[in-house]
């Protein structure tokens, strides 16, 4: 699965973690491994321009999703028979999301993970215009995020353990491959 990310927001964020959230959501939705996705992080003025141009709404917003094709239920990329698909673009605005994160009582990165998953679901055809759609999409979003957080925490814990193990092995000289002994 190809996920490209470009940070033009002027804010330092953990790009790899955002890509991990997108990849996790796509995997959970059984999207083809051949799918391609683009994530763009932009400044407030760029997001405001996109929001007005495409949604006819004033001011910036947190996330926008631009599917490459109109998806219908017979051609959704999360369908089991789907092949390669250019899903589209997710545009995030970290400066806008920062205030939302503060109000929600969590980190900016947590908010960007939420918005990334939200954007992925929009690219896959989910919406929240109607109450039933909103319940379905937000419930799915909540489950994916909760599972991602557990998987992400486990991966960080394992990486820290590997690093600690490497340090111990290095201290006793066991970090280098042993020379092959000649056969008797």
Protein backbone atom coordinates (compact mmCIF):
# COMPACT_ATOMS: atom_id res chain seq x y z
CA UNK A 1 0.00 0.00 0.00
CA UNK A 2 1.44 3.33 -1.00
CA UNK A 3 0.79 6.30 1.28
CA UNK A 4 2.50 9.56 0.46
CA UNK A 5 2.55 12.38 2.99
CA UNK A 6 3.58 16.00 2.50
CA UNK A 7 3.72 18.44 5.38
CA UNK A 8 3.24 21.99 4.11
CA UNK A 9 1.59 23.16 7.35
CA UNK A 10 4.61 24.79 8.92
CA UNK A 11 4.02 22.68 12.04
CA UNK A 12 6.21 19.80 13.15
CA UNK A 13 4.16 16.62 13.41
CA UNK A 14 4.98 12.92 13.47
CA UNK A 15 4.42 12.13 9.78
CA UNK A 16 5.24 8.44 10.24
CA UNK A 17 2.55 8.11 12.90
CA UNK A 18 -0.06 9.72 10.64
CA UNK A 19 0.89 7.31 7.85
CA UNK A 20 0.63 4.44 10.36
CA UNK A 21 -2.91 5.53 11.31
CA UNK A 22 -3.94 5.71 7.65
CA UNK A 23 -2.37 2.34 6.88
CA UNK A 24 -4.05 0.75 9.92
CA UNK A 25 -7.47 2.10 8.88
CA UNK A 26 -7.02 0.91 5.30
CA UNK A 27 -5.91 -2.53 6.51
CA UNK A 28 -8.88 -2.75 8.88
CA UNK A 29 -11.19 -1.90 6.00
CA UNK A 30 -9.55 -4.62 3.85
CA UNK A 31 -8.48 -2.16 1.17
CA UNK A 32 -6.27 -3.65 -1.52
CA UNK A 33 -2.54 -3.61 -0.77
CA UNK A 34 -2.15 -1.99 -4.20
CA UNK A 35 -4.16 1.09 -3.17
CA UNK A 36 -2.57 4.52 -3.18
CA UNK A 37 -3.34 7.41 -0.84
CA UNK A 38 -2.00 10.93 -0.45
CA UNK A 39 -2.06 12.90 2.81
CA UNK A 40 -1.36 16.62 2.73
CA UNK A 41 -0.96 18.83 5.81
CA UNK A 42 -1.64 22.49 5.08
CA UNK A 43 -1.75 25.93 6.71
CA UNK A 44 -4.98 27.63 7.78
CA UNK A 45 -5.23 29.89 4.72
CA UNK A 46 -4.80 26.99 2.29
CA UNK A 47 -7.46 24.96 4.11
CA UNK A 48 -9.81 27.97 4.16
CA UNK A 49 -9.40 28.31 0.40
CA UNK A 50 -10.09 24.61 -0.18
CA UNK A 51 -13.07 24.67 2.19
CA UNK A 52 -14.64 27.60 0.41
CA UNK A 53 -13.84 26.35 -3.09
CA UNK A 54 -15.07 22.78 -2.63
CA UNK A 55 -17.66 23.01 0.16
CA UNK A 56 -18.80 26.61 -0.33
CA UNK A 57 -18.22 27.20 3.39
CA UNK A 58 -16.19 30.07 4.84
CA UNK A 59 -13.04 29.63 6.89
CA UNK A 60 -10.76 26.67 7.47
CA UNK A 61 -11.76 23.23 8.68
CA UNK A 62 -9.90 20.28 10.18
CA UNK A 63 -9.99 17.65 7.41
CA UNK A 64 -11.17 17.30 3.85
CA UNK A 65 -11.21 14.16 1.72
CA UNK A 66 -11.01 14.16 -2.05
CA UNK A 67 -11.83 10.76 -3.57
CA UNK A 68 -10.34 10.15 -7.00
CA UNK A 69 -13.52 8.49 -8.24
CA UNK A 70 -17.09 8.46 -7.08
CA UNK A 71 -17.36 5.20 -5.17
CA UNK A 72 -20.46 3.10 -5.38
CA UNK A 73 -21.20 -0.03 -3.40
CA UNK A 74 -20.20 -2.27 -6.32
CA UNK A 75 -16.77 -0.62 -6.67
CA UNK A 76 -15.77 0.33 -3.13
CA UNK A 77 -12.03 -0.21 -2.54
CA UNK A 78 -12.81 -2.06 0.69
CA UNK A 79 -14.75 -4.73 -1.22
CA UNK A 80 -12.97 -8.09 -1.26
CA UNK A 81 -12.74 -8.24 -5.05
CA UNK A 82 -11.19 -4.79 -5.40
CA UNK A 83 -7.92 -4.44 -7.26
CA UNK A 84 -5.54 -1.52 -7.46
CA UNK A 85 -7.17 1.79 -6.61
CA UNK A 86 -6.07 5.37 -6.40
CA UNK A 87 -8.16 6.30 -3.38
CA UNK A 88 -7.58 10.03 -3.32
CA UNK A 89 -6.28 12.74 -1.03
CA UNK A 90 -6.78 13.58 2.62
CA UNK A 91 -6.01 17.18 3.56
CA UNK A 92 -5.37 17.93 7.23
CA UNK A 93 -4.94 21.30 8.92
CA UNK A 94 -2.85 20.86 12.09
CA UNK A 95 -3.29 24.51 13.16
CA UNK A 96 -7.07 24.09 13.14
CA UNK A 97 -6.85 20.64 14.75
CA UNK A 98 -4.66 21.98 17.56
CA UNK A 99 -7.55 23.91 19.13
CA UNK A 100 -9.89 20.92 18.72
CA UNK A 101 -7.33 18.71 20.47
CA UNK A 102 -7.08 21.17 23.35
CA UNK A 103 -10.89 21.27 23.74
CA UNK A 104 -11.09 17.46 23.58
CA UNK A 105 -8.33 17.11 26.17
CA UNK A 106 -5.92 15.09 24.08
CA UNK A 107 -2.76 15.65 22.07
CA UNK A 108 -2.53 17.16 18.61
CA UNK A 109 -1.22 13.83 17.34
CA UNK A 110 -4.28 12.01 18.73
CA UNK A 111 -6.48 14.54 16.93
CA UNK A 112 -4.55 14.08 13.68
CA UNK A 113 -4.95 10.30 13.99
CA UNK A 114 -8.70 10.76 14.44
CA UNK A 115 -8.90 13.10 11.45
CA UNK A 116 -6.80 10.73 9.32
CA UNK A 117 -9.11 7.79 10.05
CA UNK A 118 -12.10 10.07 9.43
CA UNK A 119 -10.64 11.07 6.07
CA UNK A 120 -9.94 7.46 5.11
CA UNK A 121 -13.55 6.52 5.85
CA UNK A 122 -14.79 9.42 3.70
CA UNK A 123 -12.59 8.20 0.83
CA UNK A 124 -14.19 4.78 1.21
CA UNK A 125 -17.66 6.24 0.79
CA UNK A 126 -18.74 6.75 4.40
CA UNK A 127 -20.52 9.95 5.33
CA UNK A 128 -22.25 11.54 8.30
CA UNK A 129 -24.88 13.77 6.71
CA UNK A 130 -27.77 11.70 8.06
CA UNK A 131 -28.11 10.46 11.67
CA UNK A 132 -27.90 6.75 10.72
CA UNK A 133 -24.83 7.39 8.54
CA UNK A 134 -23.23 9.38 11.35
CA UNK A 135 -23.79 6.57 13.87
CA UNK A 136 -22.29 4.01 11.48
CA UNK A 137 -19.28 6.11 10.49
CA UNK A 138 -18.43 7.42 13.96
CA UNK A 139 -18.84 3.99 15.54
CA UNK A 140 -16.49 2.48 12.98
CA UNK A 141 -14.07 5.40 13.40
CA UNK A 142 -14.08 4.94 17.19
CA UNK A 143 -13.36 1.19 16.93
CA UNK A 144 -10.54 1.66 14.42
CA UNK A 145 -8.94 4.40 16.53
CA UNK A 146 -9.16 2.39 19.74
CA UNK A 147 -7.58 -0.64 18.08
CA UNK A 148 -4.93 1.54 16.42
CA UNK A 149 -3.97 3.09 19.75
CA UNK A 150 -3.50 -0.36 21.29
CA UNK A 151 -1.49 -1.63 18.31
CA UNK A 152 0.58 1.58 18.18
CA UNK A 153 1.34 1.43 21.92
CA UNK A 154 2.31 -2.25 21.61
CA UNK A 155 4.64 -1.46 18.69
CA UNK A 156 6.30 1.37 20.66
CA UNK A 157 6.71 -0.87 23.69
CA UNK A 158 8.29 -3.64 21.59
CA UNK A 159 10.63 -1.16 19.87
CA UNK A 160 11.73 0.20 23.26
CA UNK A 161 12.30 -3.34 24.52
CA UNK A 162 14.34 -4.21 21.41
CA UNK A 163 16.45 -1.11 21.91
CA UNK A 164 17.06 -1.96 25.57
CA UNK A 165 17.93 -5.55 24.64
CA UNK A 166 20.38 -4.32 21.97
CA UNK A 167 22.10 -2.11 24.55
CA UNK A 168 22.49 -5.00 26.97
CA UNK A 169 23.75 -7.32 24.25
CA UNK A 170 26.16 -4.63 23.07
CA UNK A 171 27.51 -4.15 26.59
CA UNK A 172 28.45 -7.83 26.83
CA UNK A 173 29.72 -8.05 23.25
CA UNK A 174 26.89 -10.17 21.86
CA UNK A 175 25.55 -7.63 19.39
CA UNK A 176 27.85 -8.61 16.53
CA UNK A 177 27.38 -11.75 14.48
CA UNK A 178 29.67 -14.56 15.52
CA UNK A 179 32.38 -15.68 13.13
CA UNK A 180 31.72 -19.01 11.57
CA UNK A 181 33.79 -21.67 13.20
CA UNK A 182 35.74 -23.97 10.91
CA UNK A 183 34.26 -27.42 10.68
CA UNK A 184 36.29 -30.17 12.36
